[in-house]
N, C-alpha and C. Protein backbone atom coordinates (compact mmCIF):
# COMPACT_ATOMS: atom_id res chain seq x y z
N MET A 1 0.70 -0.99 0.08
CA MET A 1 -0.05 -0.03 0.11
C MET A 1 0.80 1.17 0.13
N THR A 2 0.52 2.28 -0.83
CA THR A 2 1.67 3.09 -1.16
C THR A 2 0.67 4.68 -0.17
N THR A 3 1.21 5.65 0.24
CA THR A 3 0.46 6.65 0.44
C THR A 3 0.58 7.88 -0.38
N THR A 4 0.01 8.77 -0.22
CA THR A 4 0.11 10.25 -0.88
C THR A 4 0.99 11.27 -0.32
N PRO A 5 1.98 11.47 -1.07
CA PRO A 5 2.79 12.57 -0.59
C PRO A 5 2.07 13.91 -0.04
N THR A 6 2.43 14.46 1.22
CA THR A 6 1.85 15.82 1.49
C THR A 6 2.98 16.72 1.58
N LYS A 7 2.88 17.67 2.72
CA LYS A 7 3.96 18.76 2.74
C LYS A 7 5.25 18.33 3.62
N LYS A 8 6.42 18.58 2.88
CA LYS A 8 7.66 18.36 3.51
C LYS A 8 7.98 18.51 5.07
N LEU A 9 8.02 17.59 5.58
CA LEU A 9 8.71 17.58 6.94
C LEU A 9 9.99 18.14 7.31
N LYS A 10 10.10 18.35 8.81
CA LYS A 10 11.36 19.07 9.24
C LYS A 10 12.49 17.96 8.92
N GLU A 11 13.34 18.23 8.21
CA GLU A 11 14.78 17.17 8.23
C GLU A 11 15.31 17.11 9.38
N SER A 12 15.25 18.14 10.46
CA SER A 12 15.94 17.76 11.48
C SER A 12 15.33 17.02 12.49
N ASN A 13 14.18 16.61 12.28
CA ASN A 13 13.16 15.52 13.01
C ASN A 13 13.42 14.25 12.86
N PHE A 14 14.41 13.91 11.66
CA PHE A 14 14.71 12.59 11.42
C PHE A 14 16.03 12.27 11.60
N GLY A 15 16.89 13.11 12.35
CA GLY A 15 18.27 13.00 13.00
C GLY A 15 19.33 12.61 12.44
N PHE A 16 20.05 12.00 12.53
CA PHE A 16 21.38 11.46 11.92
C PHE A 16 21.09 10.52 10.77
N ILE A 17 21.41 11.03 9.66
CA ILE A 17 21.25 9.78 8.50
C ILE A 17 22.43 9.13 8.28
N HIS A 18 22.20 7.76 7.99
CA HIS A 18 23.36 6.84 7.42
C HIS A 18 22.78 5.56 6.94
N LEU A 19 23.65 5.14 5.71
CA LEU A 19 23.36 3.80 5.30
C LEU A 19 23.83 2.58 5.88
N SER A 20 22.90 1.60 5.82
CA SER A 20 23.64 0.28 6.13
C SER A 20 24.96 0.08 5.57
N SER A 21 25.93 -0.64 5.78
CA SER A 21 27.02 -0.98 5.09
C SER A 21 26.84 -2.01 4.03
N ALA A 22 25.62 -2.98 4.11
CA ALA A 22 25.31 -3.54 3.02
C ALA A 22 24.79 -2.71 1.66
N LEU A 23 24.26 -1.88 2.18
CA LEU A 23 23.38 -0.85 1.31
C LEU A 23 24.11 -0.10 0.63
N ALA A 24 25.25 0.30 1.35
CA ALA A 24 26.47 1.36 0.67
C ALA A 24 27.21 0.52 -0.40
N GLN A 25 27.62 -0.92 0.25
CA GLN A 25 28.55 -1.43 -0.97
C GLN A 25 27.43 -1.77 -2.20
N TYR A 26 26.43 -2.29 -1.98
CA TYR A 26 25.56 -2.23 -3.32
C TYR A 26 25.33 -1.28 -4.26
N MET A 27 25.26 0.14 -3.49
CA MET A 27 25.08 1.60 -4.14
C MET A 27 26.65 1.78 -4.73
N ASN A 28 27.79 1.27 -4.60
CA ASN A 28 28.92 1.06 -4.93
C ASN A 28 29.23 0.29 -6.13
N GLU A 29 28.54 -0.57 -6.19
CA GLU A 29 28.42 -1.99 -6.94
C GLU A 29 27.59 -1.76 -8.19
N GLU A 30 26.19 -0.93 -7.57
CA GLU A 30 25.28 -0.48 -8.70
C GLU A 30 24.93 0.73 -8.76
N PRO A 31 25.69 1.75 -9.38
CA PRO A 31 25.56 2.95 -9.24
C PRO A 31 24.52 3.76 -9.99
N LYS A 32 23.80 2.96 -10.70
CA LYS A 32 22.73 3.25 -11.11
C LYS A 32 21.27 3.12 -10.11
N VAL A 33 21.47 2.90 -9.14
CA VAL A 33 20.59 2.80 -8.08
C VAL A 33 20.74 3.80 -6.93
N VAL A 34 21.78 4.77 -6.95
CA VAL A 34 22.45 5.96 -5.91
C VAL A 34 21.11 7.07 -6.06
N LEU A 35 20.90 7.36 -7.04
CA LEU A 35 20.15 8.63 -7.36
C LEU A 35 18.40 8.04 -6.88
N GLN A 36 18.21 6.55 -6.91
CA GLN A 36 17.10 6.20 -6.72
C GLN A 36 16.84 6.08 -5.16
N VAL A 37 17.94 5.82 -4.75
CA VAL A 37 17.92 5.44 -3.09
C VAL A 37 17.57 7.11 -2.28
N TYR A 38 18.32 8.09 -3.00
CA TYR A 38 18.15 9.31 -2.26
C TYR A 38 16.91 9.80 -2.69
N LYS A 39 16.40 9.43 -4.06
CA LYS A 39 15.21 10.24 -4.53
C LYS A 39 13.91 9.69 -3.15
N ASN A 40 14.40 8.36 -2.97
CA ASN A 40 13.25 7.89 -2.12
C ASN A 40 13.25 8.44 -0.82
N LEU A 41 14.24 8.77 -0.23
CA LEU A 41 14.67 9.62 1.01
C LEU A 41 14.06 11.04 0.94
N TYR A 42 14.45 11.79 -0.12
CA TYR A 42 14.18 13.17 -0.24
C TYR A 42 13.04 13.48 -0.70
N GLU A 43 12.58 12.98 -1.91
CA GLU A 43 11.10 13.05 -2.64
C GLU A 43 9.97 12.52 -2.17
N LYS A 44 10.32 11.38 -1.40
CA LYS A 44 9.28 10.22 -1.03
C LYS A 44 9.00 10.40 0.62
N TYR A 45 10.36 9.86 1.21
CA TYR A 45 9.91 9.65 2.66
C TYR A 45 9.55 10.87 3.67
N PHE A 46 10.67 12.14 3.20
CA PHE A 46 10.34 13.61 3.54
C PHE A 46 9.20 14.16 3.59
N TYR A 47 8.58 13.61 2.57
CA TYR A 47 6.91 13.92 2.19
C TYR A 47 5.99 12.98 2.56
N GLN A 48 6.24 12.01 3.57
CA GLN A 48 5.15 11.29 4.08
C GLN A 48 4.88 10.09 2.96
N ASP A 49 5.26 9.90 2.06
CA ASP A 49 4.78 8.64 1.15
C ASP A 49 5.98 7.76 1.78
N TRP A 50 5.05 6.58 2.48
CA TRP A 50 5.93 5.69 3.22
C TRP A 50 6.27 4.38 2.32
N GLY A 51 5.78 4.49 0.85
CA GLY A 51 5.92 3.28 0.10
C GLY A 51 5.09 2.36 0.13
N ILE A 52 5.72 1.03 0.04
CA ILE A 52 4.88 -0.13 0.21
C ILE A 52 4.89 -0.69 1.39
N VAL A 53 4.51 0.11 2.49
CA VAL A 53 4.25 -0.68 3.59
C VAL A 53 2.41 -1.16 4.00
N GLU A 54 2.49 -1.73 4.95
CA GLU A 54 0.97 -2.13 5.23
C GLU A 54 0.25 -1.00 6.14
N SER A 55 -1.11 -0.98 5.85
CA SER A 55 -1.71 0.06 6.30
C SER A 55 -1.60 0.29 8.26
N ASP A 56 -1.32 -0.35 8.52
CA ASP A 56 -0.84 -0.36 10.15
C ASP A 56 0.27 0.54 10.07
N SER A 57 1.34 -0.23 9.65
CA SER A 57 2.36 0.86 9.65
C SER A 57 2.21 2.25 9.06
N ILE A 58 1.67 2.46 8.02
CA ILE A 58 1.39 3.91 7.74
C ILE A 58 0.68 4.55 8.79
N GLN A 59 -0.17 4.00 9.61
CA GLN A 59 -0.92 4.68 10.57
C GLN A 59 -0.01 4.98 11.96
N MET A 60 0.78 4.20 12.28
CA MET A 60 1.99 4.52 13.06
C MET A 60 3.12 5.32 12.96
N ASN A 61 3.32 5.59 11.33
CA ASN A 61 4.41 6.46 10.66
C ASN A 61 3.39 7.77 11.01
N ASN A 62 2.06 8.02 10.54
CA ASN A 62 1.35 8.93 10.74
C ASN A 62 1.23 9.94 12.17
N GLU A 63 1.19 8.85 13.16
CA GLU A 63 1.09 8.97 14.38
C GLU A 63 2.31 9.47 14.92
N ALA A 64 3.46 9.07 14.58
CA ALA A 64 4.64 9.15 14.84
C ALA A 64 4.87 11.00 14.62
N VAL A 65 4.26 11.32 13.06
CA VAL A 65 4.90 12.55 12.63
C VAL A 65 4.15 13.54 13.47
N LYS A 66 2.62 12.94 13.90
CA LYS A 66 1.74 14.11 14.08
C LYS A 66 2.10 14.60 15.64
N ASN A 67 2.97 13.48 16.11
CA ASN A 67 3.25 13.67 17.80
C ASN A 67 4.56 14.35 17.94
N GLU A 68 5.76 13.92 16.92
CA GLU A 68 6.88 14.46 17.07
C GLU A 68 7.73 14.40 18.44
N ASN A 69 7.09 12.99 18.83
CA ASN A 69 7.84 12.89 20.46
C ASN A 69 8.52 11.78 20.49
N GLY A 70 9.32 11.19 19.32
CA GLY A 70 10.34 10.12 19.36
C GLY A 70 9.91 9.01 19.04
N GLY A 71 8.81 8.99 18.01
CA GLY A 71 7.99 7.71 17.49
C GLY A 71 9.18 7.17 16.51
N ASP A 72 8.91 6.01 16.26
CA ASP A 72 9.69 5.36 14.87
C ASP A 72 8.75 5.65 13.72
N ILE A 73 9.46 5.74 12.34
CA ILE A 73 8.77 5.55 11.28
C ILE A 73 9.30 4.54 10.23
N LEU A 74 8.69 3.65 9.94
CA LEU A 74 9.42 2.91 8.50
C LEU A 74 8.56 2.66 7.14
N ALA A 75 9.44 2.86 6.35
CA ALA A 75 8.88 2.89 4.68
C ALA A 75 9.44 1.82 4.26
N ALA A 76 9.14 1.68 3.20
CA ALA A 76 9.74 0.45 2.13
C ALA A 76 9.57 1.12 0.43
N TYR A 77 10.46 0.63 -0.02
CA TYR A 77 10.22 0.95 -1.65
C TYR A 77 11.14 -0.14 -2.41
N ILE A 78 10.86 -0.13 -3.60
CA ILE A 78 11.78 -1.14 -4.44
C ILE A 78 12.30 -0.14 -5.52
N LEU A 79 13.29 -0.80 -5.28
CA LEU A 79 14.71 -0.32 -6.50
C LEU A 79 14.43 -0.75 -7.90
N SER A 80 14.83 -0.36 -9.23
CA SER A 80 14.71 -0.62 -10.68
C SER A 80 15.49 -1.96 -10.46
N THR A 81 16.29 -2.48 -9.73
CA THR A 81 16.64 -3.68 -9.45
C THR A 81 15.94 -4.96 -8.93
N GLY A 82 15.03 -4.24 -8.35
CA GLY A 82 13.89 -5.29 -7.88
C GLY A 82 14.45 -5.53 -6.20
N LYS A 83 15.37 -4.81 -5.94
CA LYS A 83 16.03 -4.86 -4.40
C LYS A 83 15.07 -4.06 -3.31
N LYS A 84 14.47 -4.72 -2.61
CA LYS A 84 14.01 -3.55 -1.52
C LYS A 84 14.57 -2.95 -0.63
N ILE A 85 14.04 -1.85 -0.34
CA ILE A 85 15.13 -0.82 0.54
C ILE A 85 14.04 -0.54 1.90
N TRP A 86 14.44 -0.36 3.24
CA TRP A 86 13.78 0.30 4.02
C TRP A 86 14.33 1.35 4.53
N ILE A 87 13.50 2.20 4.67
CA ILE A 87 14.19 3.45 5.55
C ILE A 87 13.40 3.79 6.94
N LYS A 88 14.04 3.48 7.84
CA LYS A 88 13.71 3.60 9.19
C LYS A 88 14.12 4.77 10.02
N THR A 89 13.28 5.69 10.77
CA THR A 89 13.75 6.50 11.92
C THR A 89 13.14 6.28 13.19
N VAL A 90 14.09 5.99 14.16
CA VAL A 90 14.14 5.62 15.24
C VAL A 90 14.09 7.61 16.26
N GLY A 91 13.24 7.55 17.21
CA GLY A 91 13.07 8.89 17.72
C GLY A 91 12.98 10.20 16.94
N TYR A 92 11.71 9.87 15.81
CA TYR A 92 11.60 11.06 15.48
C TYR A 92 10.81 12.55 15.90
N GLY A 93 11.51 13.56 15.79
CA GLY A 93 11.02 14.65 16.47
C GLY A 93 11.59 14.66 17.72
N LEU A 94 12.51 13.67 18.55
CA LEU A 94 13.01 13.56 19.66
C LEU A 94 13.43 14.90 19.87
N THR A 95 13.41 15.75 20.87
CA THR A 95 14.25 17.02 21.77
C THR A 95 15.50 16.73 22.47
N GLU A 96 16.41 17.79 22.54
CA GLU A 96 17.42 17.49 23.24
C GLU A 96 17.34 17.30 24.62
N ASP A 97 16.18 17.87 25.17
CA ASP A 97 16.11 18.02 26.63
C ASP A 97 15.35 16.77 27.23
N LYS A 98 14.98 15.81 26.18
CA LYS A 98 14.55 14.21 26.53
C LYS A 98 15.53 13.40 26.19
N MET A 99 17.00 13.70 25.97
CA MET A 99 18.01 12.71 25.96
C MET A 99 19.02 12.96 26.99
N ASP A 100 19.50 11.86 27.47
CA ASP A 100 20.76 11.88 28.26
C ASP A 100 21.65 11.69 27.52
N LEU A 101 22.43 13.07 27.24
CA LEU A 101 23.41 13.56 26.60
C LEU A 101 24.68 13.11 27.14
N LYS A 102 24.86 13.01 28.64
CA LYS A 102 25.95 12.47 29.31
C LYS A 102 26.24 10.99 29.11
N GLU A 103 25.47 10.17 29.05
CA GLU A 103 25.83 8.50 28.32
C GLU A 103 25.57 8.40 27.04
N TYR A 104 24.87 8.93 26.52
CA TYR A 104 24.65 8.81 24.90
C TYR A 104 24.64 10.01 24.02
N THR A 105 24.84 9.83 22.94
CA THR A 105 24.80 10.87 21.51
C THR A 105 23.42 11.10 21.27
N LYS A 106 23.01 12.30 20.51
CA LYS A 106 22.06 12.63 19.93
C LYS A 106 21.70 11.45 18.85
N ALA A 107 22.70 11.26 18.02
CA ALA A 107 22.49 9.69 17.19
C ALA A 107 21.80 8.51 17.97
N ASP A 108 22.16 8.28 19.02
CA ASP A 108 21.61 7.10 19.51
C ASP A 108 20.38 7.36 19.94
N TYR A 109 19.38 8.33 19.79
CA TYR A 109 18.13 8.76 20.39
C TYR A 109 17.36 9.21 18.99
N ASN A 110 18.17 9.59 17.76
CA ASN A 110 17.48 10.15 17.13
C ASN A 110 18.11 10.05 15.90
N ASN A 111 17.55 8.99 14.95
CA ASN A 111 18.29 8.63 13.68
C ASN A 111 17.83 7.86 12.65
N THR A 112 18.01 8.19 11.78
CA THR A 112 17.24 7.31 10.08
C THR A 112 18.45 6.65 9.43
N CYS A 113 18.06 5.30 9.39
CA CYS A 113 18.98 4.21 8.47
C CYS A 113 18.15 3.77 7.04
N LEU A 114 18.74 4.03 6.26
CA LEU A 114 18.65 3.46 4.70
C LEU A 114 19.35 2.20 4.84
N MET A 115 18.35 1.26 4.28
CA MET A 115 18.90 -0.17 4.79
C MET A 115 18.11 -1.49 3.85
N PHE A 116 18.91 -2.48 3.57
CA PHE A 116 17.86 -3.58 2.96
C PHE A 116 17.01 -4.34 4.23
N PRO A 117 15.97 -4.64 3.99
CA PRO A 117 15.26 -5.15 5.24
C PRO A 117 16.13 -6.56 6.08
N GLU A 118 17.01 -7.24 5.74
CA GLU A 118 17.75 -8.23 6.42
C GLU A 118 18.60 -7.69 7.00
N ASP A 119 18.96 -6.18 6.63
CA ASP A 119 20.10 -5.17 7.47
C ASP A 119 19.54 -5.05 8.98
N TYR A 120 18.06 -5.26 9.21
CA TYR A 120 17.47 -4.87 10.60
C TYR A 120 17.74 -5.81 11.71
């Protein structure tokens, strides 16, 4: 099930953005997918198009966006090579005042990872 993109969300709510090592290696081996991966992030994910996730995931994603209090978001997309990627945010919209920055870093609380499902 796909969703209809709406307004662009604040990129700062997605925290530190990184790739799994497997996806990074795949992008090096298949340069034609590099643009697709980043288009999914910047032109779909940041606009609340969650791709091909189930309706319960869409509902949870939309609640996390609405509340901006540290919820998780998961989206899934298919690349032209047939490989599925996930984009997962942990701690969407979590603010520094709710983080223990003496023990952890911001990236421990609020980050987004682009990966293959099997990397999770």
